[in-house]
Amino acid sequence: MRGSLETIVGAMFAGKTSELLKRILWANHQNKKIVVIKPSLDNRYSESKIITHNDLSHECFSMQNWDDVKKKYSFKKDNIDMVFVDEIQFLDTLDTLKNIELILNEGIDVVCAGLDQDSRGKPWETSSMILGLSDKILKIYGFCNVCGMEATKTYRKQEGGGRTQVGAANIYEPRCLKHWSPR
């Protein structure tokens, strides 16, 4: 039987990694065999852990690419029950789709978390494609740093720079549509 794919998306500071950690803890409680992965690009807080902005964490494999992951893990149902992937937006789109599809076809459940849009309001390609394949989607929201209303956007505090600029509260904040502008 094919595994299920669940994707958690939203703006920065919405609680995506916290929600992913909740699922990881529940899988651990159920004694499931799990693998937790993040892109090595996300080294804000740690090389070997996924860490929330409020310092909750779990050990993970920090990957350069999917070949690294496949060298470390054998994705067979006998070995692994669930795979958790954080910061999905930073992974190569085609390679990620291919490998998640292979994992799902082994009967392994996958839970991904990541940004659905960049600070300019443009969809992240990998997140968008994963959302299209997902059996279950959870979009979560933060609170606007200006007014406290529901934040659906990530606001970059300083204009300019490349699309992929890994950072935290020093660079980004959650904003509602009224107080957000693409930067």
Protein backbone atom coordinates (compact mmCIF):
# COMPACT_ATOMS: atom_id res chain seq x y z
CA MET A 1 0.00 0.00 0.00
CA ARG A 2 1.24 3.47 -0.89
CA GLY A 3 2.29 5.79 1.93
CA SER A 4 0.48 9.04 2.57
CA LEU A 5 1.94 12.50 1.98
CA GLU A 6 1.10 15.34 4.33
CA THR A 7 2.41 18.86 3.83
CA ILE A 8 2.50 21.70 6.34
CA VAL A 9 2.95 25.16 4.82
CA GLY A 10 2.73 28.80 5.78
CA ALA A 11 4.74 31.97 6.22
CA MET A 12 7.75 32.29 8.49
CA PHE A 13 6.98 32.21 12.22
CA ALA A 14 3.67 30.41 11.66
CA GLY A 15 4.81 27.31 13.54
CA LYS A 16 5.51 24.88 10.70
CA THR A 17 8.53 23.26 12.34
CA SER A 18 6.67 23.13 15.68
CA GLU A 19 3.83 21.29 13.94
CA LEU A 20 6.34 18.94 12.31
CA LEU A 21 7.95 18.30 15.72
CA LYS A 22 4.54 17.47 17.17
CA ARG A 23 4.13 14.77 14.53
CA ILE A 24 7.68 13.49 15.12
CA LEU A 25 7.03 13.21 18.86
CA TRP A 26 3.77 11.35 18.21
CA ALA A 27 5.52 8.93 15.83
CA ASN A 28 8.22 8.34 18.47
CA HIS A 29 5.52 7.73 21.06
CA GLN A 30 4.05 5.08 18.76
CA ASN A 31 7.52 3.47 18.41
CA LYS A 32 7.62 4.14 14.68
CA LYS A 33 10.92 3.97 12.84
CA ILE A 34 11.48 7.49 11.55
CA VAL A 35 13.91 9.52 9.49
CA VAL A 36 14.08 13.30 9.88
CA ILE A 37 15.73 15.31 7.09
CA LYS A 38 16.47 18.94 6.37
CA PRO A 39 18.51 20.69 3.67
CA SER A 40 22.05 21.57 4.78
CA LEU A 41 21.36 25.12 3.55
CA ASP A 42 19.27 25.61 6.71
CA ASN A 43 22.09 26.00 9.21
CA ARG A 44 20.58 28.92 11.15
CA TYR A 45 20.57 27.19 14.52
CA SER A 46 22.24 23.79 14.03
CA GLU A 47 23.77 21.52 11.40
CA SER A 48 22.30 18.34 12.86
CA LYS A 49 18.90 19.35 14.27
CA ILE A 50 15.67 20.88 13.14
CA ILE A 51 15.06 23.72 15.56
CA THR A 52 12.06 25.98 15.99
CA HIS A 53 12.41 29.72 16.50
CA ASN A 54 11.56 29.13 20.17
CA ASP A 55 14.32 26.50 20.53
CA LEU A 56 12.46 23.16 20.38
CA SER A 57 14.52 20.61 18.47
CA HIS A 58 15.01 17.09 17.15
CA GLU A 59 18.04 15.34 15.64
CA CYS A 60 18.03 15.13 11.86
CA PHE A 61 20.09 14.28 8.81
CA SER A 62 21.29 17.44 7.08
CA MET A 63 21.33 16.69 3.36
CA GLN A 64 23.20 18.22 0.45
CA ASN A 65 21.13 16.22 -2.04
CA TRP A 66 19.00 13.07 -2.27
CA ASP A 67 22.01 10.91 -3.18
CA ASP A 68 23.42 11.70 0.30
CA VAL A 69 20.14 10.58 1.87
CA LYS A 70 19.98 7.34 -0.13
CA LYS A 71 23.56 6.46 0.88
CA LYS A 72 22.61 6.80 4.56
CA TYR A 73 19.12 5.23 4.56
CA SER A 74 17.45 2.27 2.88
CA PHE A 75 13.90 3.41 2.22
CA LYS A 76 12.12 0.10 2.66
CA LYS A 77 9.00 -0.40 4.77
CA ASP A 78 10.86 -2.92 6.96
CA ASN A 79 13.38 -0.21 7.95
CA ILE A 80 11.33 3.00 8.02
CA ASP A 81 7.72 3.84 8.84
CA MET A 82 7.79 7.61 8.38
CA VAL A 83 9.97 10.30 6.83
CA PHE A 84 9.84 13.92 7.97
CA VAL A 85 11.29 16.69 5.80
CA ASP A 86 11.69 20.27 7.02
CA GLU A 87 12.31 23.37 4.86
CA ILE A 88 11.11 21.53 1.75
CA GLN A 89 11.23 24.74 -0.31
CA PHE A 90 15.05 24.67 -0.36
CA LEU A 91 15.29 21.21 -1.99
CA ASP A 92 15.70 20.57 -5.72
CA THR A 93 12.21 20.25 -7.19
CA LEU A 94 12.56 17.35 -9.65
CA ASP A 95 14.89 15.30 -7.46
CA THR A 96 12.64 15.80 -4.44
CA LEU A 97 9.48 14.82 -6.32
CA LYS A 98 11.15 11.70 -7.71
CA ASN A 99 12.52 10.57 -4.34
CA ILE A 100 9.39 11.32 -2.32
CA GLU A 101 7.40 9.38 -4.90
CA LEU A 102 9.78 6.41 -4.50
CA ILE A 103 9.48 6.59 -0.69
CA LEU A 104 5.68 6.74 -0.86
CA ASN A 105 5.60 3.77 -3.24
CA GLU A 106 7.48 1.74 -0.59
CA GLY A 107 4.49 2.28 1.74
CA ILE A 108 6.31 4.85 3.88
CA ASP A 109 4.40 7.92 5.07
CA VAL A 110 6.00 11.32 4.45
CA VAL A 111 5.36 14.61 6.24
CA CYS A 112 6.89 17.76 4.75
CA ALA A 113 7.01 21.30 6.11
CA GLY A 114 8.08 24.51 4.47
CA LEU A 115 7.33 27.92 3.12
CA ASP A 116 4.73 28.10 0.39
CA GLN A 117 5.82 31.61 -0.74
CA ASP A 118 8.96 33.68 -0.67
CA SER A 119 9.13 37.21 0.78
CA ARG A 120 8.07 38.57 -2.61
CA GLY A 121 4.85 36.53 -2.51
CA LYS A 122 5.98 34.11 -5.23
CA PRO A 123 5.34 30.37 -4.77
CA TRP A 124 8.31 28.15 -3.99
CA GLU A 125 8.41 25.57 -6.79
CA THR A 126 9.23 22.51 -4.66
CA SER A 127 6.59 23.37 -2.06
CA SER A 128 3.99 23.96 -4.79
CA MET A 129 4.66 20.63 -6.48
CA ILE A 130 4.63 18.75 -3.17
CA LEU A 131 1.32 20.42 -2.29
CA GLY A 132 -0.10 19.17 -5.58
CA LEU A 133 0.83 15.58 -4.67
CA SER A 134 -0.25 15.77 -1.03
CA ASP A 135 -3.01 13.65 0.45
CA LYS A 136 -3.40 16.11 3.31
CA ILE A 137 -2.45 19.80 3.54
CA LEU A 138 -2.24 21.99 6.61
CA LYS A 139 -1.74 25.72 6.02
CA ILE A 140 -0.95 27.53 9.23
CA TYR A 141 -0.65 31.21 10.01
CA GLY A 142 1.36 33.41 12.31
CA PHE A 143 0.45 36.79 13.74
CA CYS A 144 1.29 40.08 12.07
CA ASN A 145 4.11 41.92 13.83
CA VAL A 146 2.34 45.23 13.12
CA CYS A 147 -1.30 44.63 14.09
CA GLY A 148 -1.50 41.10 15.54
CA MET A 149 -3.97 39.85 12.93
CA GLU A 150 -3.52 36.60 11.00
CA ALA A 151 -0.23 36.68 9.05
CA THR A 152 -0.19 34.94 5.69
CA LYS A 153 3.00 36.52 4.35
CA THR A 154 6.70 36.66 5.14
CA TYR A 155 8.02 40.22 5.18
CA ARG A 156 11.70 40.87 4.51
CA LYS A 157 12.84 43.76 6.68
CA GLN A 158 15.45 45.01 4.22
CA GLU A 159 14.89 45.32 0.51
CA GLY A 160 17.05 43.51 -2.01
CA GLY A 161 19.15 40.41 -1.88
CA GLY A 162 18.64 37.05 -3.49
CA ARG A 163 15.50 35.01 -3.28
CA THR A 164 17.04 32.47 -0.93
CA GLN A 165 18.35 34.26 2.11
CA VAL A 166 18.33 31.95 5.12
CA GLY A 167 17.54 33.88 8.27
CA ALA A 168 15.27 34.36 11.22
CA ALA A 169 13.80 37.36 13.07
CA ASN A 170 16.90 39.36 12.17
CA ILE A 171 15.75 39.39 8.52
CA TYR A 172 12.07 38.38 8.40
CA GLU A 173 8.78 38.83 10.23
CA PRO A 174 5.21 37.63 9.75
CA ARG A 175 2.75 40.14 8.26
CA CYS A 176 -0.90 40.31 7.29
CA LEU A 177 -1.79 41.40 3.75
CA LYS A 178 -2.49 44.95 4.91
CA HIS A 179 1.02 45.40 6.36
CA TRP A 180 3.00 43.31 3.85
CA SER A 181 4.71 44.37 0.68
CA PRO A 182 6.96 42.26 -1.56
CA ARG A 183 10.66 42.82 -0.88
